[in-house]
Amino acid sequence: MRKYQPPTREFFRLPNKIFQVPLDATQFKLYSYLVCCSGSKGYCWPTHDTIMRDTGIKKSSLQKAIKALKKRKLIAVYKHRNTYGYSNNEYHLLSLDNPEVYRDLDSEVDELPLFIGEDFPA
């Protein structure tokens, strides 16, 4: 039996902490796709059409997933304009060390406390 050889091309790595983040399947798929596109740079700018074509995510689901990933502070989205004048979104992957990543988005508390000793708003 041959010893396992890790792949050298056409694969990407996800941070292990991503499995602790409460994401639905569409959000996880989109996050994984953005990690794949960004490589070691930490940012990428695929168009919505490219994302939909490559992942099979429908437009309304894609927009909701982007919004959820932004709210969870997994990604930041900026406008990107190329040299030909066309613009689309530039997606920056953010650190998974932010506690905002792990909180329940359905809770009524809009913000985490700023300081450890601070109470949650009522």
PDB file of N, CA and C in Angstrom:
ATOM      1  N   MET A   1       0.843  -1.177   0.000  1.00  0.00           N
ATOM      2  CA  MET A   1       0.000   0.000   0.000  1.00  0.00           C
ATOM      3  C   MET A   1       0.889   1.243   0.000  1.00  0.00           C
ATOM      4  N   ARG A   2       0.519   2.230  -0.848  1.00  0.00           N
ATOM      5  CA  ARG A   2       1.309   3.461  -0.952  1.00  0.00           C
ATOM      6  C   ARG A   2       0.968   4.421   0.178  1.00  0.00           C
ATOM      7  N   LYS A   3       1.961   5.187   0.573  1.00  0.00           N
ATOM      8  CA  LYS A   3       1.770   6.214   1.583  1.00  0.00           C
ATOM      9  C   LYS A   3       1.007   7.388   0.976  1.00  0.00           C
ATOM     10  N   TYR A   4       0.146   8.029   1.756  1.00  0.00           N
ATOM     11  CA  TYR A   4      -0.635   9.177   1.288  1.00  0.00           C
ATOM     12  C   TYR A   4       0.288  10.326   0.899  1.00  0.00           C
ATOM     13  N   GLN A   5       0.063  10.883  -0.265  1.00  0.00           N
ATOM     14  CA  GLN A   5       0.795  12.053  -0.743  1.00  0.00           C
ATOM     15  C   GLN A   5      -0.182  13.229  -0.823  1.00  0.00           C
ATOM     16  N   PRO A   6       0.066  14.303  -0.085  1.00  0.00           N
ATOM     17  CA  PRO A   6      -0.851  15.436  -0.169  1.00  0.00           C
ATOM     18  C   PRO A   6      -0.818  16.050  -1.565  1.00  0.00           C
ATOM     19  N   PRO A   7      -1.957  16.553  -2.023  1.00  0.00           N
ATOM     20  CA  PRO A   7      -1.998  17.160  -3.349  1.00  0.00           C
ATOM     21  C   PRO A   7      -1.138  18.406  -3.419  1.00  0.00           C
ATOM     22  N   THR A   8      -0.587  18.654  -4.572  1.00  0.00           N
ATOM     23  CA  THR A   8       0.280  19.822  -4.744  1.00  0.00           C
ATOM     24  C   THR A   8      -0.367  20.910  -5.578  1.00  0.00           C
ATOM     25  N   ARG A   9      -1.389  20.575  -6.367  1.00  0.00           N
ATOM     26  CA  ARG A   9      -2.052  21.565  -7.214  1.00  0.00           C
ATOM     27  C   ARG A   9      -3.557  21.358  -7.167  1.00  0.00           C
ATOM     28  N   GLU A  10      -4.260  22.373  -7.614  1.00  0.00           N
ATOM     29  CA  GLU A  10      -5.704  22.336  -7.778  1.00  0.00           C
ATOM     30  C   GLU A  10      -6.461  22.036  -6.492  1.00  0.00           C
ATOM     31  N   PHE A  11      -5.886  22.411  -5.359  1.00  0.00           N
ATOM     32  CA  PHE A  11      -6.553  22.290  -4.074  1.00  0.00           C
ATOM     33  C   PHE A  11      -6.294  23.569  -3.296  1.00  0.00           C
ATOM     34  N   PHE A  12      -7.135  23.819  -2.309  1.00  0.00           N
ATOM     35  CA  PHE A  12      -6.939  24.978  -1.456  1.00  0.00           C
ATOM     36  C   PHE A  12      -7.230  24.559  -0.024  1.00  0.00           C
ATOM     37  N   ARG A  13      -6.792  25.360   0.918  1.00  0.00           N
ATOM     38  CA  ARG A  13      -6.986  25.058   2.325  1.00  0.00           C
ATOM     39  C   ARG A  13      -7.989  26.006   2.941  1.00  0.00           C
ATOM     40  N   LEU A  14      -8.821  25.438   3.802  1.00  0.00           N
ATOM     41  CA  LEU A  14      -9.724  26.238   4.621  1.00  0.00           C
ATOM     42  C   LEU A  14      -9.180  26.251   6.041  1.00  0.00           C
ATOM     43  N   PRO A  15      -9.349  27.357   6.752  1.00  0.00           N
ATOM     44  CA  PRO A  15      -8.941  27.356   8.157  1.00  0.00           C
ATOM     45  C   PRO A  15      -9.844  26.412   8.966  1.00  0.00           C
ATOM     46  N   ASN A  16      -9.266  25.676   9.892  1.00  0.00           N
ATOM     47  CA  ASN A  16     -10.056  24.730  10.693  1.00  0.00           C
ATOM     48  C   ASN A  16     -11.165  25.407  11.478  1.00  0.00           C
ATOM     49  N   LYS A  17     -10.960  26.651  11.885  1.00  0.00           N
ATOM     50  CA  LYS A  17     -11.952  27.374  12.683  1.00  0.00           C
ATOM     51  C   LYS A  17     -13.268  27.595  11.930  1.00  0.00           C
ATOM     52  N   ILE A  18     -13.245  27.498  10.614  1.00  0.00           N
ATOM     53  CA  ILE A  18     -14.471  27.758   9.848  1.00  0.00           C
ATOM     54  C   ILE A  18     -15.569  26.758  10.194  1.00  0.00           C
ATOM     55  N   PHE A  19     -15.182  25.586  10.665  1.00  0.00           N
ATOM     56  CA  PHE A  19     -16.178  24.574  11.021  1.00  0.00           C
ATOM     57  C   PHE A  19     -16.864  24.888  12.345  1.00  0.00           C
ATOM     58  N   GLN A  20     -16.353  25.842  13.102  1.00  0.00           N
ATOM     59  CA  GLN A  20     -16.983  26.276  14.344  1.00  0.00           C
ATOM     60  C   GLN A  20     -17.939  27.440  14.117  1.00  0.00           C
ATOM     61  N   VAL A  21     -17.912  28.012  12.931  1.00  0.00           N
ATOM     62  CA  VAL A  21     -18.759  29.155  12.602  1.00  0.00           C
ATOM     63  C   VAL A  21     -20.115  28.636  12.130  1.00  0.00           C
ATOM     64  N   PRO A  22     -21.206  29.160  12.696  1.00  0.00           N
ATOM     65  CA  PRO A  22     -22.538  28.680  12.289  1.00  0.00           C
ATOM     66  C   PRO A  22     -22.953  29.239  10.923  1.00  0.00           C
ATOM     67  N   LEU A  23     -22.574  28.537   9.869  1.00  0.00           N
ATOM     68  CA  LEU A  23     -22.931  28.914   8.506  1.00  0.00           C
ATOM     69  C   LEU A  23     -23.876  27.879   7.921  1.00  0.00           C
ATOM     70  N   ASP A  24     -24.802  28.337   7.076  1.00  0.00           N
ATOM     71  CA  ASP A  24     -25.603  27.355   6.345  1.00  0.00           C
ATOM     72  C   ASP A  24     -24.795  26.886   5.136  1.00  0.00           C
ATOM     73  N   ALA A  25     -25.329  25.942   4.399  1.00  0.00           N
ATOM     74  CA  ALA A  25     -24.580  25.320   3.292  1.00  0.00           C
ATOM     75  C   ALA A  25     -24.207  26.331   2.212  1.00  0.00           C
ATOM     76  N   THR A  26     -25.101  27.249   1.878  1.00  0.00           N
ATOM     77  CA  THR A  26     -24.824  28.237   0.843  1.00  0.00           C
ATOM     78  C   THR A  26     -23.724  29.201   1.287  1.00  0.00           C
ATOM     79  N   GLN A  27     -23.789  29.660   2.527  1.00  0.00           N
ATOM     80  CA  GLN A  27     -22.771  30.569   3.049  1.00  0.00           C
ATOM     81  C   GLN A  27     -21.413  29.884   3.095  1.00  0.00           C
ATOM     82  N   PHE A  28     -21.386  28.622   3.531  1.00  0.00           N
ATOM     83  CA  PHE A  28     -20.134  27.866   3.580  1.00  0.00           C
ATOM     84  C   PHE A  28     -19.564  27.672   2.172  1.00  0.00           C
ATOM     85  N   LYS A  29     -20.435  27.367   1.226  1.00  0.00           N
ATOM     86  CA  LYS A  29     -19.992  27.165  -0.163  1.00  0.00           C
ATOM     87  C   LYS A  29     -19.410  28.457  -0.731  1.00  0.00           C
ATOM     88  N   LEU A  30     -20.080  29.579  -0.491  1.00  0.00           N
ATOM     89  CA  LEU A  30     -19.593  30.864  -0.976  1.00  0.00           C
ATOM     90  C   LEU A  30     -18.261  31.219  -0.311  1.00  0.00           C
ATOM     91  N   TYR A  31     -18.171  31.058   0.998  1.00  0.00           N
ATOM     92  CA  TYR A  31     -16.919  31.355   1.696  1.00  0.00           C
ATOM     93  C   TYR A  31     -15.786  30.491   1.141  1.00  0.00           C
ATOM     94  N   SER A  32     -16.054  29.211   0.957  1.00  0.00           N
ATOM     95  CA  SER A  32     -15.042  28.300   0.415  1.00  0.00           C
ATOM     96  C   SER A  32     -14.615  28.736  -0.979  1.00  0.00           C
ATOM     97  N   TYR A  33     -15.575  29.145  -1.795  1.00  0.00           N
ATOM     98  CA  TYR A  33     -15.268  29.599  -3.148  1.00  0.00           C
ATOM     99  C   TYR A  33     -14.375  30.843  -3.114  1.00  0.00           C
ATOM    100  N   LEU A  34     -14.684  31.782  -2.232  1.00  0.00           N
ATOM    101  CA  LEU A  34     -13.880  33.000  -2.134  1.00  0.00           C
ATOM    102  C   LEU A  34     -12.471  32.691  -1.634  1.00  0.00           C
ATOM    103  N   VAL A  35     -12.352  31.740  -0.710  1.00  0.00           N
ATOM    104  CA  VAL A  35     -11.019  31.313  -0.248  1.00  0.00           C
ATOM    105  C   VAL A  35     -10.250  30.715  -1.416  1.00  0.00           C
ATOM    106  N   CYS A  36     -10.927  29.896  -2.202  1.00  0.00           N
ATOM    107  CA  CYS A  36     -10.297  29.263  -3.365  1.00  0.00           C
ATOM    108  C   CYS A  36      -9.831  30.320  -4.363  1.00  0.00           C
ATOM    109  N   CYS A  37     -10.658  31.302  -4.634  1.00  0.00           N
ATOM    110  CA  CYS A  37     -10.308  32.350  -5.611  1.00  0.00           C
ATOM    111  C   CYS A  37      -9.192  33.250  -5.112  1.00  0.00           C
ATOM    112  N   SER A  38      -9.172  33.529  -3.829  1.00  0.00           N
ATOM    113  CA  SER A  38      -8.206  34.487  -3.310  1.00  0.00           C
ATOM    114  C   SER A  38      -6.814  33.903  -3.139  1.00  0.00           C
ATOM    115  N   GLY A  39      -6.714  32.611  -2.933  1.00  0.00           N
ATOM    116  CA  GLY A  39      -5.405  32.007  -2.743  1.00  0.00           C
ATOM    117  C   GLY A  39      -4.689  32.618  -1.562  1.00  0.00           C
ATOM    118  N   SER A  40      -3.418  32.918  -1.700  1.00  0.00           N
ATOM    119  CA  SER A  40      -2.634  33.475  -0.598  1.00  0.00           C
ATOM    120  C   SER A  40      -2.773  34.992  -0.494  1.00  0.00           C
ATOM    121  N   LYS A  41      -3.450  35.632  -1.465  1.00  0.00           N
ATOM    122  CA  LYS A  41      -3.587  37.093  -1.456  1.00  0.00           C
ATOM    123  C   LYS A  41      -4.530  37.581  -0.366  1.00  0.00           C
ATOM    124  N   GLY A  42      -5.591  36.803  -0.091  1.00  0.00           N
ATOM    125  CA  GLY A  42      -6.570  37.231   0.897  1.00  0.00           C
ATOM    126  C   GLY A  42      -7.684  38.074   0.313  1.00  0.00           C
ATOM    127  N   TYR A  43      -7.686  38.277  -1.002  1.00  0.00           N
ATOM    128  CA  TYR A  43      -8.763  39.021  -1.645  1.00  0.00           C
ATOM    129  C   TYR A  43      -8.933  38.523  -3.080  1.00  0.00           C
ATOM    130  N   CYS A  44     -10.119  38.746  -3.619  1.00  0.00           N
ATOM    131  CA  CYS A  44     -10.411  38.355  -5.002  1.00  0.00           C
ATOM    132  C   CYS A  44     -11.574  39.202  -5.495  1.00  0.00           C
ATOM    133  N   TRP A  45     -11.859  39.156  -6.774  1.00  0.00           N
ATOM    134  CA  TRP A  45     -12.950  39.965  -7.334  1.00  0.00           C
ATOM    135  C   TRP A  45     -13.739  39.230  -8.415  1.00  0.00           C
ATOM    136  N   PRO A  46     -14.258  38.037  -8.129  1.00  0.00           N
ATOM    137  CA  PRO A  46     -15.107  37.390  -9.129  1.00  0.00           C
ATOM    138  C   PRO A  46     -16.448  38.124  -9.246  1.00  0.00           C
ATOM    139  N   THR A  47     -17.007  38.131 -10.441  1.00  0.00           N
ATOM    140  CA  THR A  47     -18.320  38.750 -10.633  1.00  0.00           C
ATOM    141  C   THR A  47     -19.397  37.826 -10.071  1.00  0.00           C
ATOM    142  N   HIS A  48     -20.575  38.381  -9.859  1.00  0.00           N
ATOM    143  CA  HIS A  48     -21.695  37.554  -9.404  1.00  0.00           C
ATOM    144  C   HIS A  48     -21.982  36.454 -10.421  1.00  0.00           C
ATOM    145  N   ASP A  49     -21.920  36.787 -11.703  1.00  0.00           N
ATOM    146  CA  ASP A  49     -22.170  35.778 -12.737  1.00  0.00           C
ATOM    147  C   ASP A  49     -21.153  34.637 -12.661  1.00  0.00           C
ATOM    148  N   THR A  50     -19.897  34.968 -12.419  1.00  0.00           N
ATOM    149  CA  THR A  50     -18.859  33.942 -12.305  1.00  0.00           C
ATOM    150  C   THR A  50     -19.113  33.062 -11.082  1.00  0.00           C
ATOM    151  N   ILE A  51     -19.450  33.679  -9.961  1.00  0.00           N
ATOM    152  CA  ILE A  51     -19.734  32.912  -8.743  1.00  0.00           C
ATOM    153  C   ILE A  51     -20.924  31.990  -8.979  1.00  0.00           C
ATOM    154  N   MET A  52     -21.985  32.524  -9.581  1.00  0.00           N
ATOM    155  CA  MET A  52     -23.185  31.714  -9.829  1.00  0.00           C
ATOM    156  C   MET A  52     -22.881  30.558 -10.764  1.00  0.00           C
ATOM    157  N   ARG A  53     -22.101  30.813 -11.805  1.00  0.00           N
ATOM    158  CA  ARG A  53     -21.748  29.764 -12.759  1.00  0.00           C
ATOM    159  C   ARG A  53     -20.900  28.674 -12.100  1.00  0.00           C
ATOM    160  N   ASP A  54     -19.901  29.083 -11.318  1.00  0.00           N
ATOM    161  CA  ASP A  54     -18.970  28.118 -10.737  1.00  0.00           C
ATOM    162  C   ASP A  54     -19.537  27.348  -9.549  1.00  0.00           C
ATOM    163  N   THR A  55     -20.442  27.962  -8.801  1.00  0.00           N
ATOM    164  CA  THR A  55     -20.957  27.317  -7.581  1.00  0.00           C
ATOM    165  C   THR A  55     -22.361  26.759  -7.721  1.00  0.00           C
ATOM    166  N   GLY A  56     -23.127  27.266  -8.682  1.00  0.00           N
ATOM    167  CA  GLY A  56     -24.513  26.836  -8.810  1.00  0.00           C
ATOM    168  C   GLY A  56     -25.457  27.549  -7.858  1.00  0.00           C
ATOM    169  N   ILE A  57     -24.964  28.565  -7.171  1.00  0.00           N
ATOM    170  CA  ILE A  57     -25.801  29.342  -6.257  1.00  0.00           C
ATOM    171  C   ILE A  57     -26.646  30.316  -7.075  1.00  0.00           C
ATOM    172  N   LYS A  58     -27.928  30.373  -6.790  1.00  0.00           N
ATOM    173  CA  LYS A  58     -28.829  31.292  -7.491  1.00  0.00           C
ATOM    174  C   LYS A  58     -28.613  32.726  -6.998  1.00  0.00           C
ATOM    175  N   LYS A  59     -29.037  33.698  -7.811  1.00  0.00           N
ATOM    176  CA  LYS A  59     -28.751  35.110  -7.546  1.00  0.00           C
ATOM    177  C   LYS A  59     -29.261  35.582  -6.185  1.00  0.00           C
ATOM    178  N   SER A  60     -30.521  35.299  -5.866  1.00  0.00           N
ATOM    179  CA  SER A  60     -31.069  35.774  -4.589  1.00  0.00           C
ATOM    180  C   SER A  60     -30.358  35.114  -3.407  1.00  0.00           C
ATOM    181  N   SER A  61     -30.046  33.838  -3.527  1.00  0.00           N
ATOM    182  CA  SER A  61     -29.312  33.137  -2.460  1.00  0.00           C
ATOM    183  C   SER A  61     -27.900  33.682  -2.329  1.00  0.00           C
ATOM    184  N   LEU A  62     -27.288  34.027  -3.444  1.00  0.00           N
ATOM    185  CA  LEU A  62     -25.942  34.582  -3.435  1.00  0.00           C
ATOM    186  C   LEU A  62     -25.931  35.926  -2.711  1.00  0.00           C
ATOM    187  N   GLN A  63     -26.890  36.776  -3.020  1.00  0.00           N
ATOM    188  CA  GLN A  63     -26.959  38.088  -2.383  1.00  0.00           C
ATOM    189  C   GLN A  63     -27.173  37.957  -0.872  1.00  0.00           C
ATOM    190  N   LYS A  64     -28.020  37.005  -0.458  1.00  0.00           N
ATOM    191  CA  LYS A  64     -28.257  36.777   0.969  1.00  0.00           C
ATOM    192  C   LYS A  64     -27.001  36.240   1.645  1.00  0.00           C
ATOM    193  N   ALA A  65     -26.296  35.340   0.976  1.00  0.00           N
ATOM    194  CA  ALA A  65     -25.079  34.753   1.550  1.00  0.00           C
ATOM    195  C   ALA A  65     -23.985  35.804   1.698  1.00  0.00           C
ATOM    196  N   ILE A  66     -23.826  36.666   0.706  1.00  0.00           N
ATOM    197  CA  ILE A  66     -22.837  37.752   0.797  1.00  0.00           C
ATOM    198  C   ILE A  66     -23.171  38.656   1.973  1.00  0.00           C
ATOM    199  N   LYS A  67     -24.442  38.998   2.096  1.00  0.00           N
ATOM    200  CA  LYS A  67     -24.882  39.871   3.187  1.00  0.00           C
ATOM    201  C   LYS A  67     -24.604  39.214   4.545  1.00  0.00           C
ATOM    202  N   ALA A  68     -24.865  37.918   4.662  1.00  0.00           N
ATOM    203  CA  ALA A  68     -24.631  37.207   5.923  1.00  0.00           C
ATOM    204  C   ALA A  68     -23.136  37.130   6.249  1.00  0.00           C
ATOM    205  N   LEU A  69     -22.300  36.858   5.244  1.00  0.00           N
ATOM    206  CA  LEU A  69     -20.859  36.777   5.480  1.00  0.00           C
ATOM    207  C   LEU A  69     -20.293  38.141   5.875  1.00  0.00           C
ATOM    208  N   LYS A  70     -20.845  39.221   5.285  1.00  0.00           N
ATOM    209  CA  LYS A  70     -20.427  40.571   5.663  1.00  0.00           C
ATOM    210  C   LYS A  70     -20.846  40.875   7.098  1.00  0.00           C
ATOM    211  N   LYS A  71     -22.088  40.532   7.435  1.00  0.00           N
ATOM    212  CA  LYS A  71     -22.600  40.801   8.775  1.00  0.00           C
ATOM    213  C   LYS A  71     -21.833  39.998   9.825  1.00  0.00           C
ATOM    214  N   ARG A  72     -21.439  38.806   9.475  1.00  0.00           N
ATOM    215  CA  ARG A  72     -20.690  37.941  10.384  1.00  0.00           C
ATOM    216  C   ARG A  72     -19.205  38.331  10.429  1.00  0.00           C
ATOM    217  N   LYS A  73     -18.805  39.302   9.615  1.00  0.00           N
ATOM    218  CA  LYS A  73     -17.427  39.814   9.549  1.00  0.00           C
ATOM    219  C   LYS A  73     -16.434  38.757   9.065  1.00  0.00           C
ATOM    220  N   LEU A  74     -16.880  37.878   8.163  1.00  0.00           N
ATOM    221  CA  LEU A  74     -15.981  36.923   7.516  1.00  0.00           C
ATOM    222  C   LEU A  74     -15.352  37.537   6.277  1.00  0.00           C
ATOM    223  N   ILE A  75     -16.075  38.457   5.655  1.00  0.00           N
ATOM    224  CA  ILE A  75     -15.570  39.133   4.462  1.00  0.00           C
ATOM    225  C   ILE A  75     -15.873  40.626   4.551  1.00  0.00           C
ATOM    226  N   ALA A  76     -15.097  41.392   3.840  1.00  0.00           N
ATOM    227  CA  ALA A  76     -15.388  42.809   3.614  1.00  0.00           C
ATOM    228  C   ALA A  76     -15.502  42.967   2.104  1.00  0.00           C
ATOM    229  N   VAL A  77     -16.433  43.783   1.666  1.00  0.00           N
ATOM    230  CA  VAL A  77     -16.679  43.954   0.234  1.00  0.00           C
ATOM    231  C   VAL A  77     -16.422  45.402  -0.145  1.00  0.00           C
ATOM    232  N   TYR A  78     -15.582  45.588  -1.161  1.00  0.00           N
ATOM    233  CA  TYR A  78     -15.251  46.912  -1.689  1.00  0.00           C
ATOM    234  C   TYR A  78     -15.520  46.913  -3.187  1.00  0.00           C
ATOM    235  N   LYS A  79     -15.711  48.092  -3.739  1.00  0.00           N
ATOM    236  CA  LYS A  79     -15.859  48.221  -5.194  1.00  0.00           C
ATOM    237  C   LYS A  79     -14.481  48.154  -5.836  1.00  0.00           C
ATOM    238  N   HIS A  80     -14.358  47.346  -6.862  1.00  0.00           N
ATOM    239  CA  HIS A  80     -13.096  47.186  -7.590  1.00  0.00           C
ATOM    240  C   HIS A  80     -13.309  47.656  -9.022  1.00  0.00           C
ATOM    241  N   ARG A  81     -12.434  48.527  -9.502  1.00  0.00           N
ATOM    242  CA  ARG A  81     -12.522  49.000 -10.883  1.00  0.00           C
ATOM    243  C   ARG A  81     -11.241  48.585 -11.593  1.00  0.00           C
ATOM    244  N   ASN A  82     -11.410  47.870 -12.702  1.00  0.00           N
ATOM    245  CA  ASN A  82     -10.214  47.428 -13.435  1.00  0.00           C
ATOM    246  C   ASN A  82      -9.726  48.522 -14.377  1.00  0.00           C
ATOM    247  N   THR A  83      -8.665  48.249 -15.093  1.00  0.00           N
ATOM    248  CA  THR A  83      -8.056  49.262 -15.957  1.00  0.00           C
ATOM    249  C   THR A  83      -8.936  49.648 -17.139  1.00  0.00           C
ATOM    250  N   TYR A  84      -9.926  48.828 -17.463  1.00  0.00           N
ATOM    251  CA  TYR A  84     -10.829  49.120 -18.586  1.00  0.00           C
ATOM    252  C   TYR A  84     -12.084  49.869 -18.149  1.00  0.00           C
ATOM    253  N   GLY A  85     -12.187  50.179 -16.851  1.00  0.00           N
ATOM    254  CA  GLY A  85     -13.327  50.948 -16.362  1.00  0.00           C
ATOM    255  C   GLY A  85     -14.478  50.110 -15.843  1.00  0.00           C
ATOM    256  N   TYR A  86     -14.393  48.795 -15.960  1.00  0.00           N
ATOM    257  CA  TYR A  86     -15.458  47.940 -15.439  1.00  0.00           C
ATOM    258  C   TYR A  86     -15.293  47.798 -13.932  1.00  0.00           C
ATOM    259  N   SER A  87     -16.415  47.726 -13.212  1.00  0.00           N
ATOM    260  CA  SER A  87     -16.309  47.577 -11.763  1.00  0.00           C
ATOM    261  C   SER A  87     -17.097  46.351 -11.299  1.00  0.00           C
ATOM    262  N   ASN A  88     -16.627  45.767 -10.251  1.00  0.00           N
ATOM    263  CA  ASN A  88     -17.339  44.703  -9.563  1.00  0.00           C
ATOM    264  C   ASN A  88     -16.829  44.666  -8.127  1.00  0.00           C
ATOM    265  N   ASN A  89     -17.347  43.752  -7.342  1.00  0.00           N
ATOM    266  CA  ASN A  89     -16.984  43.688  -5.931  1.00  0.00           C
ATOM    267  C   ASN A  89     -15.614  43.054  -5.742  1.00  0.00           C
ATOM    268  N   GLU A  90     -14.881  43.587  -4.795  1.00  0.00           N
ATOM    269  CA  GLU A  90     -13.621  42.983  -4.369  1.00  0.00           C
ATOM    270  C   GLU A  90     -13.868  42.431  -2.968  1.00  0.00           C
ATOM    271  N   TYR A  91     -13.647  41.139  -2.791  1.00  0.00           N
ATOM    272  CA  TYR A  91     -13.935  40.454  -1.538  1.00  0.00           C
ATOM    273  C   TYR A  91     -12.633  40.247  -0.769  1.00  0.00           C
ATOM    274  N   HIS A  92     -12.578  40.758   0.454  1.00  0.00           N
ATOM    275  CA  HIS A  92     -11.419  40.585   1.321  1.00  0.00           C
ATOM    276  C   HIS A  92     -11.801  39.616   2.436  1.00  0.00           C
ATOM    277  N   LEU A  93     -10.998  38.587   2.621  1.00  0.00           N
ATOM    278  CA  LEU A  93     -11.234  37.621   3.687  1.00  0.00           C
ATOM    279  C   LEU A  93     -10.713  38.204   4.991  1.00  0.00           C
ATOM    280  N   LEU A  94     -11.533  38.139   6.028  1.00  0.00           N
ATOM    281  CA  LEU A  94     -11.163  38.700   7.323  1.00  0.00           C
ATOM    282  C   LEU A  94     -10.785  37.588   8.298  1.00  0.00           C
ATOM    283  N   SER A  95     -10.163  37.963   9.388  1.00  0.00           N
ATOM    284  CA  SER A  95      -9.681  37.013  10.387  1.00  0.00           C
ATOM    285  C   SER A  95     -10.839  36.292  11.080  1.00  0.00           C
ATOM    286  N   LEU A  96     -10.629  35.028  11.374  1.00  0.00           N
ATOM    287  CA  LEU A  96     -11.619  34.255  12.123  1.00  0.00           C
ATOM    288  C   LEU A  96     -11.435  34.431  13.626  1.00  0.00           C
ATOM    289  N   ASP A  97     -10.512  35.285  14.041  1.00  0.00           N
ATOM    290  CA  ASP A  97     -10.282  35.538  15.462  1.00  0.00           C
ATOM    291  C   ASP A  97     -11.247  36.564  16.038  1.00  0.00           C
ATOM    292  N   ASN A  98     -12.046  37.202  15.208  1.00  0.00           N
ATOM    293  CA  ASN A  98     -13.023  38.189  15.631  1.00  0.00           C
ATOM    294  C   ASN A  98     -14.218  37.470  16.266  1.00  0.00           C
ATOM    295  N   PRO A  99     -14.610  37.810  17.520  1.00  0.00           N
ATOM    296  CA  PRO A  99     -15.752  37.124  18.155  1.00  0.00           C
ATOM    297  C   PRO A  99     -17.071  37.343  17.429  1.00  0.00           C
ATOM    298  N   GLU A 100     -17.176  38.395  16.627  1.00  0.00           N
ATOM    299  CA  GLU A 100     -18.389  38.673  15.853  1.00  0.00           C
ATOM    300  C   GLU A 100     -18.702  37.520  14.900  1.00  0.00           C
ATOM    301  N   VAL A 101     -17.691  36.801  14.477  1.00  0.00           N
ATOM    302  CA  VAL A 101     -17.831  35.700  13.527  1.00  0.00           C
ATOM    303  C   VAL A 101     -18.717  34.597  14.088  1.00  0.00           C
ATOM    304  N   TYR A 102     -18.655  34.385  15.407  1.00  0.00           N
ATOM    305  CA  TYR A 102     -19.284  33.223  16.018  1.00  0.00           C
ATOM    306  C   TYR A 102     -20.648  33.493  16.629  1.00  0.00           C
ATOM    307  N   ARG A 103     -21.074  34.739  16.702  1.00  0.00           N
ATOM    308  CA  ARG A 103     -22.336  35.019  17.392  1.00  0.00           C
ATOM    309  C   ARG A 103     -23.545  34.639  16.542  1.00  0.00           C
ATOM    310  N   ASP A 104     -24.664  34.492  17.217  1.00  0.00           N
ATOM    311  CA  ASP A 104     -25.911  34.130  16.564  1.00  0.00           C
ATOM    312  C   ASP A 104     -26.486  35.373  15.899  1.00  0.00           C
ATOM    313  N   LEU A 105     -26.636  35.343  14.585  1.00  0.00           N
ATOM    314  CA  LEU A 105     -27.130  36.520  13.861  1.00  0.00           C
ATOM    315  C   LEU A 105     -28.623  36.735  14.058  1.00  0.00           C
ATOM    316  N   ASP A 106     -29.334  35.718  14.544  1.00  0.00           N
ATOM    317  CA  ASP A 106     -30.774  35.850  14.738  1.00  0.00           C
ATOM    318  C   ASP A 106     -31.130  36.455  16.090  1.00  0.00           C
ATOM    319  N   SER A 107     -30.127  36.660  16.962  1.00  0.00           N
ATOM    320  CA  SER A 107     -30.409  37.239  18.275  1.00  0.00           C
ATOM    321  C   SER A 107     -30.775  38.711  18.107  1.00  0.00           C
ATOM    322  N   GLU A 108     -31.416  39.264  19.121  1.00  0.00           N
ATOM    323  CA  GLU A 108     -31.861  40.649  19.033  1.00  0.00           C
ATOM    324  C   GLU A 108     -30.751  41.632  19.373  1.00  0.00           C
ATOM    325  N   VAL A 109     -29.642  41.160  19.922  1.00  0.00           N
ATOM    326  CA  VAL A 109     -28.526  42.030  20.257  1.00  0.00           C
ATOM    327  C   VAL A 109     -27.791  42.359  18.963  1.00  0.00           C
ATOM    328  N   ASP A 110     -27.692  43.643  18.638  1.00  0.00           N
ATOM    329  CA  ASP A 110     -27.076  44.062  17.386  1.00  0.00           C
ATOM    330  C   ASP A 110     -25.557  44.104  17.453  1.00  0.00           C
ATOM    331  N   GLU A 111     -25.004  44.350  18.629  1.00  0.00           N
ATOM    332  CA  GLU A 111     -23.554  44.484  18.734  1.00  0.00           C
ATOM    333  C   GLU A 111     -23.056  43.719  19.942  1.00  0.00           C
ATOM    334  N   LEU A 112     -21.838  43.231  19.844  1.00  0.00           N
ATOM    335  CA  LEU A 112     -21.179  42.629  20.991  1.00  0.00           C
ATOM    336  C   LEU A 112     -20.678  43.747  21.894  1.00  0.00           C
ATOM    337  N   PRO A 113     -20.478  43.470  23.208  1.00  0.00           N
ATOM    338  CA  PRO A 113     -19.947  44.516  24.083  1.00  0.00           C
ATOM    339  C   PRO A 113     -18.546  44.920  23.632  1.00  0.00           C
ATOM    340  N   LEU A 114     -18.223  46.199  23.832  1.00  0.00           N
ATOM    341  CA  LEU A 114     -16.915  46.692  23.426  1.00  0.00           C
ATOM    342  C   LEU A 114     -15.820  46.239  24.380  1.00  0.00           C
ATOM    343  N   PHE A 115     -16.158  46.103  25.641  1.00  0.00           N
ATOM    344  CA  PHE A 115     -15.185  45.711  26.643  1.00  0.00           C
ATOM    345  C   PHE A 115     -15.685  44.463  27.353  1.00  0.00           C
ATOM    346  N   ILE A 116     -14.774  43.683  27.882  1.00  0.00           N
ATOM    347  CA  ILE A 116     -15.141  42.416  28.508  1.00  0.00           C
ATOM    348  C   ILE A 116     -16.103  42.628  29.670  1.00  0.00           C
ATOM    349  N   GLY A 117     -15.922  43.678  30.452  1.00  0.00           N
ATOM    350  CA  GLY A 117     -16.779  43.920  31.605  1.00  0.00           C
ATOM    351  C   GLY A 117     -18.113  44.552  31.265  1.00  0.00           C
ATOM    352  N   GLU A 118     -18.327  44.967  30.048  1.00  0.00           N
ATOM    353  CA  GLU A 118     -19.557  45.642  29.634  1.00  0.00           C
ATOM    354  C   GLU A 118     -20.678  44.639  29.437  1.00  0.00           C
ATOM    355  N   ASP A 119     -21.883  44.992  29.880  1.00  0.00           N
ATOM    356  CA  ASP A 119     -23.044  44.108  29.719  1.00  0.00           C
ATOM    357  C   ASP A 119     -23.646  44.274  28.328  1.00  0.00           C
ATOM    358  N   PHE A 120     -24.373  43.228  27.914  1.00  0.00           N
ATOM    359  CA  PHE A 120     -25.121  43.320  26.666  1.00  0.00           C
ATOM    360  C   PHE A 120     -26.273  44.290  26.839  1.00  0.00           C
ATOM    361  N   PRO A 121     -26.651  45.010  25.776  1.00  0.00           N
ATOM    362  CA  PRO A 121     -27.811  45.897  25.874  1.00  0.00           C
ATOM    363  C   PRO A 121     -29.073  45.095  26.126  1.00  0.00           C
ATOM    364  N   ALA A 122     -30.011  45.688  26.858  1.00  0.00           N
ATOM    365  CA  ALA A 122     -31.262  44.982  27.206  1.00  0.00           C
ATOM    366  C   ALA A 122     -32.235  44.993  26.070  1.00  0.00           C
TER     367      ALA A 122
END
